């Protein structure tokens, strides 16, 4: 899994649940560690980004259903502008 594949999956509507998306994002970080090694600067940056992602993800999980729908509409609208 990589960022381009993740983007393609989002754009094509592959993810039916937030958990599917979350698991693929975590797989990106796992792959980063595996392919760059534990002492790599790239791995250190990936670890920092993973920490930030998990922190922000926990906020997303606290959104109400109506808020999640609104966020989805906003993101869809932004994707159409690209």
PDB file of N, CA and C in Angstrom:
ATOM      1  N   UNK A   1       0.853  -1.183   0.000  1.00  0.00           N
ATOM      2  CA  UNK A   1       0.000   0.000   0.000  1.00  0.00           C
ATOM      3  C   UNK A   1       0.890   1.234   0.000  1.00  0.00           C
ATOM      4  N   UNK A   2       0.487   2.224  -0.783  1.00  0.00           N
ATOM      5  CA  UNK A   2       1.208   3.490  -0.857  1.00  0.00           C
ATOM      6  C   UNK A   2       0.187   4.620  -0.984  1.00  0.00           C
ATOM      7  N   UNK A   3       0.665   5.849  -0.911  1.00  0.00           N
ATOM      8  CA  UNK A   3      -0.248   6.997  -0.921  1.00  0.00           C
ATOM      9  C   UNK A   3      -1.027   7.116  -2.230  1.00  0.00           C
ATOM     10  N   UNK A   4      -0.386   6.805  -3.351  1.00  0.00           N
ATOM     11  CA  UNK A   4      -1.089   6.898  -4.638  1.00  0.00           C
ATOM     12  C   UNK A   4      -2.230   5.888  -4.710  1.00  0.00           C
ATOM     13  N   UNK A   5      -1.984   4.671  -4.250  1.00  0.00           N
ATOM     14  CA  UNK A   5      -3.033   3.649  -4.243  1.00  0.00           C
ATOM     15  C   UNK A   5      -4.153   4.051  -3.303  1.00  0.00           C
ATOM     16  N   UNK A   6      -3.792   4.601  -2.144  1.00  0.00           N
ATOM     17  CA  UNK A   6      -4.798   5.069  -1.188  1.00  0.00           C
ATOM     18  C   UNK A   6      -5.679   6.139  -1.835  1.00  0.00           C
ATOM     19  N   UNK A   7      -5.047   7.096  -2.512  1.00  0.00           N
ATOM     20  CA  UNK A   7      -5.810   8.154  -3.187  1.00  0.00           C
ATOM     21  C   UNK A   7      -6.730   7.567  -4.259  1.00  0.00           C
ATOM     22  N   UNK A   8      -6.208   6.636  -5.043  1.00  0.00           N
ATOM     23  CA  UNK A   8      -7.035   6.007  -6.075  1.00  0.00           C
ATOM     24  C   UNK A   8      -8.224   5.273  -5.455  1.00  0.00           C
ATOM     25  N   UNK A   9      -7.983   4.595  -4.347  1.00  0.00           N
ATOM     26  CA  UNK A   9      -9.063   3.877  -3.664  1.00  0.00           C
ATOM     27  C   UNK A   9     -10.128   4.839  -3.138  1.00  0.00           C
ATOM     28  N   UNK A  10      -9.693   5.971  -2.610  1.00  0.00           N
ATOM     29  CA  UNK A  10     -10.653   6.979  -2.128  1.00  0.00           C
ATOM     30  C   UNK A  10     -11.458   7.526  -3.294  1.00  0.00           C
ATOM     31  N   UNK A  11     -10.757   7.895  -4.359  1.00  0.00           N
ATOM     32  CA  UNK A  11     -11.431   8.494  -5.521  1.00  0.00           C
ATOM     33  C   UNK A  11     -12.394   7.534  -6.207  1.00  0.00           C
ATOM     34  N   UNK A  12     -12.092   6.249  -6.157  1.00  0.00           N
ATOM     35  CA  UNK A  12     -12.958   5.268  -6.820  1.00  0.00           C
ATOM     36  C   UNK A  12     -14.066   4.748  -5.906  1.00  0.00           C
ATOM     37  N   UNK A  13     -14.079   5.207  -4.648  1.00  0.00           N
ATOM     38  CA  UNK A  13     -15.124   4.787  -3.720  1.00  0.00           C
ATOM     39  C   UNK A  13     -14.939   3.376  -3.181  1.00  0.00           C
ATOM     40  N   UNK A  14     -13.708   2.884  -3.192  1.00  0.00           N
ATOM     41  CA  UNK A  14     -13.441   1.523  -2.736  1.00  0.00           C
ATOM     42  C   UNK A  14     -13.773   1.326  -1.261  1.00  0.00           C
ATOM     43  N   UNK A  15     -13.510   2.345  -0.468  1.00  0.00           N
ATOM     44  CA  UNK A  15     -13.694   2.199   0.980  1.00  0.00           C
ATOM     45  C   UNK A  15     -15.162   2.350   1.353  1.00  0.00           C
ATOM     46  N   UNK A  16     -15.699   1.314   1.963  1.00  0.00           N
ATOM     47  CA  UNK A  16     -17.095   1.337   2.404  1.00  0.00           C
ATOM     48  C   UNK A  16     -17.202   1.725   3.874  1.00  0.00           C
ATOM     49  N   UNK A  17     -16.090   1.582   4.609  1.00  0.00           N
ATOM     50  CA  UNK A  17     -16.091   1.951   6.025  1.00  0.00           C
ATOM     51  C   UNK A  17     -14.836   2.755   6.336  1.00  0.00           C
ATOM     52  N   UNK A  18     -14.900   3.498   7.399  1.00  0.00           N
ATOM     53  CA  UNK A  18     -13.737   4.243   7.849  1.00  0.00           C
ATOM     54  C   UNK A  18     -12.627   3.288   8.285  1.00  0.00           C
ATOM     55  N   UNK A  19     -13.007   2.137   8.809  1.00  0.00           N
ATOM     56  CA  UNK A  19     -12.015   1.167   9.259  1.00  0.00           C
ATOM     57  C   UNK A  19     -11.186   0.635   8.097  1.00  0.00           C
ATOM     58  N   UNK A  20     -11.789   0.434   6.938  1.00  0.00           N
ATOM     59  CA  UNK A  20     -11.037  -0.023   5.766  1.00  0.00           C
ATOM     60  C   UNK A  20      -9.972   1.005   5.387  1.00  0.00           C
ATOM     61  N   UNK A  21     -10.351   2.259   5.387  1.00  0.00           N
ATOM     62  CA  UNK A  21      -9.412   3.335   5.094  1.00  0.00           C
ATOM     63  C   UNK A  21      -8.298   3.370   6.137  1.00  0.00           C
ATOM     64  N   UNK A  22      -8.681   3.301   7.397  1.00  0.00           N
ATOM     65  CA  UNK A  22      -7.722   3.356   8.502  1.00  0.00           C
ATOM     66  C   UNK A  22      -6.680   2.235   8.384  1.00  0.00           C
ATOM     67  N   UNK A  23      -7.137   1.031   8.093  1.00  0.00           N
ATOM     68  CA  UNK A  23      -6.211  -0.106   7.980  1.00  0.00           C
ATOM     69  C   UNK A  23      -5.222   0.098   6.835  1.00  0.00           C
ATOM     70  N   UNK A  24      -5.658   0.655   5.727  1.00  0.00           N
ATOM     71  CA  UNK A  24      -4.739   0.896   4.619  1.00  0.00           C
ATOM     72  C   UNK A  24      -3.728   1.989   4.959  1.00  0.00           C
ATOM     73  N   UNK A  25      -4.153   3.013   5.669  1.00  0.00           N
ATOM     74  CA  UNK A  25      -3.209   4.054   6.085  1.00  0.00           C
ATOM     75  C   UNK A  25      -2.144   3.449   7.003  1.00  0.00           C
ATOM     76  N   UNK A  26      -2.570   2.629   7.958  1.00  0.00           N
ATOM     77  CA  UNK A  26      -1.588   1.994   8.851  1.00  0.00           C
ATOM     78  C   UNK A  26      -0.652   1.073   8.071  1.00  0.00           C
ATOM     79  N   UNK A  27      -1.151   0.437   7.029  1.00  0.00           N
ATOM     80  CA  UNK A  27      -0.309  -0.419   6.202  1.00  0.00           C
ATOM     81  C   UNK A  27       0.777   0.402   5.498  1.00  0.00           C
ATOM     82  N   UNK A  28       0.459   1.614   5.112  1.00  0.00           N
ATOM     83  CA  UNK A  28       1.457   2.502   4.506  1.00  0.00           C
ATOM     84  C   UNK A  28       2.607   2.729   5.486  1.00  0.00           C
ATOM     85  N   UNK A  29       2.285   3.005   6.741  1.00  0.00           N
ATOM     86  CA  UNK A  29       3.332   3.239   7.742  1.00  0.00           C
ATOM     87  C   UNK A  29       4.141   1.971   8.007  1.00  0.00           C
ATOM     88  N   UNK A  30       3.469   0.839   8.040  1.00  0.00           N
ATOM     89  CA  UNK A  30       4.160  -0.436   8.228  1.00  0.00           C
ATOM     90  C   UNK A  30       5.126  -0.684   7.066  1.00  0.00           C
ATOM     91  N   UNK A  31       4.660  -0.448   5.848  1.00  0.00           N
ATOM     92  CA  UNK A  31       5.518  -0.613   4.678  1.00  0.00           C
ATOM     93  C   UNK A  31       6.707   0.340   4.715  1.00  0.00           C
ATOM     94  N   UNK A  32       6.480   1.540   5.178  1.00  0.00           N
ATOM     95  CA  UNK A  32       7.550   2.528   5.285  1.00  0.00           C
ATOM     96  C   UNK A  32       8.667   1.993   6.182  1.00  0.00           C
ATOM     97  N   UNK A  33       8.279   1.458   7.342  1.00  0.00           N
ATOM     98  CA  UNK A  33       9.287   0.911   8.262  1.00  0.00           C
ATOM     99  C   UNK A  33       9.991  -0.295   7.652  1.00  0.00           C
ATOM    100  N   UNK A  34       9.226  -1.157   7.009  1.00  0.00           N
ATOM    101  CA  UNK A  34       9.789  -2.387   6.448  1.00  0.00           C
ATOM    102  C   UNK A  34      10.783  -2.096   5.320  1.00  0.00           C
ATOM    103  N   UNK A  35      10.441  -1.178   4.432  1.00  0.00           N
ATOM    104  CA  UNK A  35      11.261  -0.954   3.252  1.00  0.00           C
ATOM    105  C   UNK A  35      12.381   0.065   3.453  1.00  0.00           C
ATOM    106  N   UNK A  36      12.306   0.873   4.513  1.00  0.00           N
ATOM    107  CA  UNK A  36      13.333   1.886   4.739  1.00  0.00           C
ATOM    108  C   UNK A  36      14.221   1.598   5.944  1.00  0.00           C
ATOM    109  N   UNK A  37      13.844   0.638   6.756  1.00  0.00           N
ATOM    110  CA  UNK A  37      14.661   0.268   7.913  1.00  0.00           C
ATOM    111  C   UNK A  37      14.425   1.169   9.109  1.00  0.00           C
ATOM    112  N   UNK A  38      14.731   0.659  10.289  1.00  0.00           N
ATOM    113  CA  UNK A  38      14.408   1.369  11.528  1.00  0.00           C
ATOM    114  C   UNK A  38      15.219   2.643  11.760  1.00  0.00           C
ATOM    115  N   UNK A  39      16.374   2.783  11.146  1.00  0.00           N
ATOM    116  CA  UNK A  39      17.231   3.944  11.394  1.00  0.00           C
ATOM    117  C   UNK A  39      17.137   5.014  10.309  1.00  0.00           C
ATOM    118  N   UNK A  40      16.279   4.806   9.342  1.00  0.00           N
ATOM    119  CA  UNK A  40      16.140   5.727   8.225  1.00  0.00           C
ATOM    120  C   UNK A  40      15.425   7.013   8.642  1.00  0.00           C
ATOM    121  N   UNK A  41      15.854   8.124   8.032  1.00  0.00           N
ATOM    122  CA  UNK A  41      15.155   9.398   8.252  1.00  0.00           C
ATOM    123  C   UNK A  41      13.733   9.327   7.714  1.00  0.00           C
ATOM    124  N   UNK A  42      13.543   8.572   6.663  1.00  0.00           N
ATOM    125  CA  UNK A  42      12.208   8.405   6.087  1.00  0.00           C
ATOM    126  C   UNK A  42      11.304   7.687   7.088  1.00  0.00           C
ATOM    127  N   UNK A  43      11.836   6.662   7.748  1.00  0.00           N
ATOM    128  CA  UNK A  43      11.060   5.945   8.757  1.00  0.00           C
ATOM    129  C   UNK A  43      10.732   6.871   9.926  1.00  0.00           C
ATOM    130  N   UNK A  44      11.674   7.691  10.343  1.00  0.00           N
ATOM    131  CA  UNK A  44      11.421   8.632  11.443  1.00  0.00           C
ATOM    132  C   UNK A  44      10.308   9.608  11.060  1.00  0.00           C
ATOM    133  N   UNK A  45      10.337  10.095   9.821  1.00  0.00           N
ATOM    134  CA  UNK A  45       9.274  10.999   9.357  1.00  0.00           C
ATOM    135  C   UNK A  45       7.937  10.258   9.287  1.00  0.00           C
ATOM    136  N   UNK A  46       7.964   9.012   8.811  1.00  0.00           N
ATOM    137  CA  UNK A  46       6.746   8.205   8.758  1.00  0.00           C
ATOM    138  C   UNK A  46       6.170   7.954  10.141  1.00  0.00           C
ATOM    139  N   UNK A  47       7.044   7.683  11.102  1.00  0.00           N
ATOM    140  CA  UNK A  47       6.582   7.461  12.476  1.00  0.00           C
ATOM    141  C   UNK A  47       5.927   8.717  13.053  1.00  0.00           C
ATOM    142  N   UNK A  48       6.524   9.870  12.766  1.00  0.00           N
ATOM    143  CA  UNK A  48       5.946  11.135  13.242  1.00  0.00           C
ATOM    144  C   UNK A  48       4.588  11.380  12.585  1.00  0.00           C
ATOM    145  N   UNK A  49       4.506  11.108  11.291  1.00  0.00           N
ATOM    146  CA  UNK A  49       3.236  11.294  10.582  1.00  0.00           C
ATOM    147  C   UNK A  49       2.183  10.311  11.085  1.00  0.00           C
ATOM    148  N   UNK A  50       2.602   9.081  11.374  1.00  0.00           N
ATOM    149  CA  UNK A  50       1.665   8.090  11.916  1.00  0.00           C
ATOM    150  C   UNK A  50       1.105   8.548  13.266  1.00  0.00           C
ATOM    151  N   UNK A  51       1.964   9.091  14.102  1.00  0.00           N
ATOM    152  CA  UNK A  51       1.513   9.588  15.406  1.00  0.00           C
ATOM    153  C   UNK A  51       0.478  10.702  15.225  1.00  0.00           C
ATOM    154  N   UNK A  52       0.765  11.628  14.317  1.00  0.00           N
ATOM    155  CA  UNK A  52      -0.168  12.726  14.040  1.00  0.00           C
ATOM    156  C   UNK A  52      -1.477  12.188  13.464  1.00  0.00           C
ATOM    157  N   UNK A  53      -1.383  11.245  12.521  1.00  0.00           N
ATOM    158  CA  UNK A  53      -2.581  10.663  11.927  1.00  0.00           C
ATOM    159  C   UNK A  53      -3.470  10.025  12.989  1.00  0.00           C
ATOM    160  N   UNK A  54      -2.874   9.230  13.876  1.00  0.00           N
ATOM    161  CA  UNK A  54      -3.666   8.555  14.906  1.00  0.00           C
ATOM    162  C   UNK A  54      -4.313   9.560  15.846  1.00  0.00           C
ATOM    163  N   UNK A  55      -3.611  10.635  16.152  1.00  0.00           N
ATOM    164  CA  UNK A  55      -4.168  11.682  17.008  1.00  0.00           C
ATOM    165  C   UNK A  55      -5.374  12.348  16.346  1.00  0.00           C
ATOM    166  N   UNK A  56      -5.238  12.685  15.076  1.00  0.00           N
ATOM    167  CA  UNK A  56      -6.338  13.327  14.348  1.00  0.00           C
ATOM    168  C   UNK A  56      -7.469  12.343  14.065  1.00  0.00           C
ATOM    169  N   UNK A  57      -7.129  11.087  13.824  1.00  0.00           N
ATOM    170  CA  UNK A  57      -8.136  10.068  13.553  1.00  0.00           C
ATOM    171  C   UNK A  57      -9.067   9.909  14.753  1.00  0.00           C
ATOM    172  N   UNK A  58      -8.510   9.961  15.946  1.00  0.00           N
ATOM    173  CA  UNK A  58      -9.348   9.806  17.136  1.00  0.00           C
ATOM    174  C   UNK A  58     -10.379  10.932  17.215  1.00  0.00           C
ATOM    175  N   UNK A  59     -10.031  12.101  16.710  1.00  0.00           N
ATOM    176  CA  UNK A  59     -10.987  13.217  16.674  1.00  0.00           C
ATOM    177  C   UNK A  59     -12.102  12.927  15.669  1.00  0.00           C
ATOM    178  N   UNK A  60     -11.733  12.345  14.535  1.00  0.00           N
ATOM    179  CA  UNK A  60     -12.723  12.030  13.498  1.00  0.00           C
ATOM    180  C   UNK A  60     -13.730  11.009  14.001  1.00  0.00           C
ATOM    181  N   UNK A  61     -13.275  10.093  14.831  1.00  0.00           N
ATOM    182  CA  UNK A  61     -14.177   9.068  15.355  1.00  0.00           C
ATOM    183  C   UNK A  61     -15.228   9.636  16.303  1.00  0.00           C
ATOM    184  N   UNK A  62     -14.968  10.810  16.853  1.00  0.00           N
ATOM    185  CA  UNK A  62     -15.916  11.428  17.787  1.00  0.00           C
ATOM    186  C   UNK A  62     -16.977  12.275  17.080  1.00  0.00           C
ATOM    187  N   UNK A  63     -16.876  12.393  15.757  1.00  0.00           N
ATOM    188  CA  UNK A  63     -17.877  13.162  15.014  1.00  0.00           C
ATOM    189  C   UNK A  63     -19.218  12.438  15.036  1.00  0.00           C
ATOM    190  N   UNK A  64     -20.268  13.212  15.072  1.00  0.00           N
ATOM    191  CA  UNK A  64     -21.599  12.625  14.972  1.00  0.00           C
ATOM    192  C   UNK A  64     -21.843  12.160  13.539  1.00  0.00           C
ATOM    193  N   UNK A  65     -22.886  11.387  13.339  1.00  0.00           N
ATOM    194  CA  UNK A  65     -23.222  10.915  11.985  1.00  0.00           C
ATOM    195  C   UNK A  65     -23.465  12.085  11.044  1.00  0.00           C
ATOM    196  N   UNK A  66     -24.169  13.094  11.518  1.00  0.00           N
ATOM    197  CA  UNK A  66     -24.460  14.264  10.685  1.00  0.00           C
ATOM    198  C   UNK A  66     -23.170  15.002  10.324  1.00  0.00           C
ATOM    199  N   UNK A  67     -22.243  15.095  11.273  1.00  0.00           N
ATOM    200  CA  UNK A  67     -20.968  15.762  10.996  1.00  0.00           C
ATOM    201  C   UNK A  67     -20.143  14.965   9.988  1.00  0.00           C
ATOM    202  N   UNK A  68     -20.161  13.635  10.097  1.00  0.00           N
ATOM    203  CA  UNK A  68     -19.433  12.792   9.145  1.00  0.00           C
ATOM    204  C   UNK A  68     -20.001  12.951   7.736  1.00  0.00           C
ATOM    205  N   UNK A  69     -21.313  13.043   7.626  1.00  0.00           N
ATOM    206  CA  UNK A  69     -21.951  13.243   6.321  1.00  0.00           C
ATOM    207  C   UNK A  69     -21.523  14.581   5.737  1.00  0.00           C
ATOM    208  N   UNK A  70     -21.493  15.613   6.571  1.00  0.00           N
ATOM    209  CA  UNK A  70     -21.095  16.940   6.108  1.00  0.00           C
ATOM    210  C   UNK A  70     -19.636  16.942   5.652  1.00  0.00           C
ATOM    211  N   UNK A  71     -18.752  16.311   6.411  1.00  0.00           N
ATOM    212  CA  UNK A  71     -17.344  16.222   6.026  1.00  0.00           C
ATOM    213  C   UNK A  71     -17.211  15.489   4.699  1.00  0.00           C
ATOM    214  N   UNK A  72     -17.959  14.411   4.543  1.00  0.00           N
ATOM    215  CA  UNK A  72     -17.915  13.645   3.300  1.00  0.00           C
ATOM    216  C   UNK A  72     -18.359  14.504   2.116  1.00  0.00           C
ATOM    217  N   UNK A  73     -19.402  15.302   2.302  1.00  0.00           N
ATOM    218  CA  UNK A  73     -19.877  16.174   1.231  1.00  0.00           C
ATOM    219  C   UNK A  73     -18.829  17.222   0.871  1.00  0.00           C
ATOM    220  N   UNK A  74     -18.191  17.776   1.884  1.00  0.00           N
ATOM    221  CA  UNK A  74     -17.151  18.784   1.647  1.00  0.00           C
ATOM    222  C   UNK A  74     -15.982  18.165   0.893  1.00  0.00           C
ATOM    223  N   UNK A  75     -15.535  17.001   1.337  1.00  0.00           N
ATOM    224  CA  UNK A  75     -14.419  16.333   0.668  1.00  0.00           C
ATOM    225  C   UNK A  75     -14.769  15.964  -0.766  1.00  0.00           C
ATOM    226  N   UNK A  76     -15.981  15.493  -0.980  1.00  0.00           N
ATOM    227  CA  UNK A  76     -16.414  15.156  -2.336  1.00  0.00           C
ATOM    228  C   UNK A  76     -16.408  16.388  -3.228  1.00  0.00           C
ATOM    229  N   UNK A  77     -16.873  17.494  -2.692  1.00  0.00           N
ATOM    230  CA  UNK A  77     -16.894  18.740  -3.445  1.00  0.00           C
ATOM    231  C   UNK A  77     -15.469  19.201  -3.788  1.00  0.00           C
ATOM    232  N   UNK A  78     -14.556  19.079  -2.835  1.00  0.00           N
ATOM    233  CA  UNK A  78     -13.168  19.460  -3.082  1.00  0.00           C
ATOM    234  C   UNK A  78     -12.522  18.558  -4.132  1.00  0.00           C
ATOM    235  N   UNK A  79     -12.847  17.281  -4.101  1.00  0.00           N
ATOM    236  CA  UNK A  79     -12.278  16.343  -5.064  1.00  0.00           C
ATOM    237  C   UNK A  79     -12.762  16.653  -6.475  1.00  0.00           C
ATOM    238  N   UNK A  80     -13.996  17.139  -6.600  1.00  0.00           N
ATOM    239  CA  UNK A  80     -14.538  17.466  -7.918  1.00  0.00           C
ATOM    240  C   UNK A  80     -13.887  18.709  -8.496  1.00  0.00           C
ATOM    241  N   UNK A  81     -13.377  19.582  -7.611  1.00  0.00           N
ATOM    242  CA  UNK A  81     -12.733  20.820  -8.070  1.00  0.00           C
ATOM    243  C   UNK A  81     -11.363  20.556  -8.670  1.00  0.00           C
ATOM    244  N   UNK A  82     -10.732  19.425  -8.304  1.00  0.00           N
ATOM    245  CA  UNK A  82      -9.408  19.091  -8.842  1.00  0.00           C
ATOM    246  C   UNK A  82      -9.550  18.780 -10.267  1.00  0.00           C
TER     247      UNK A  82
END
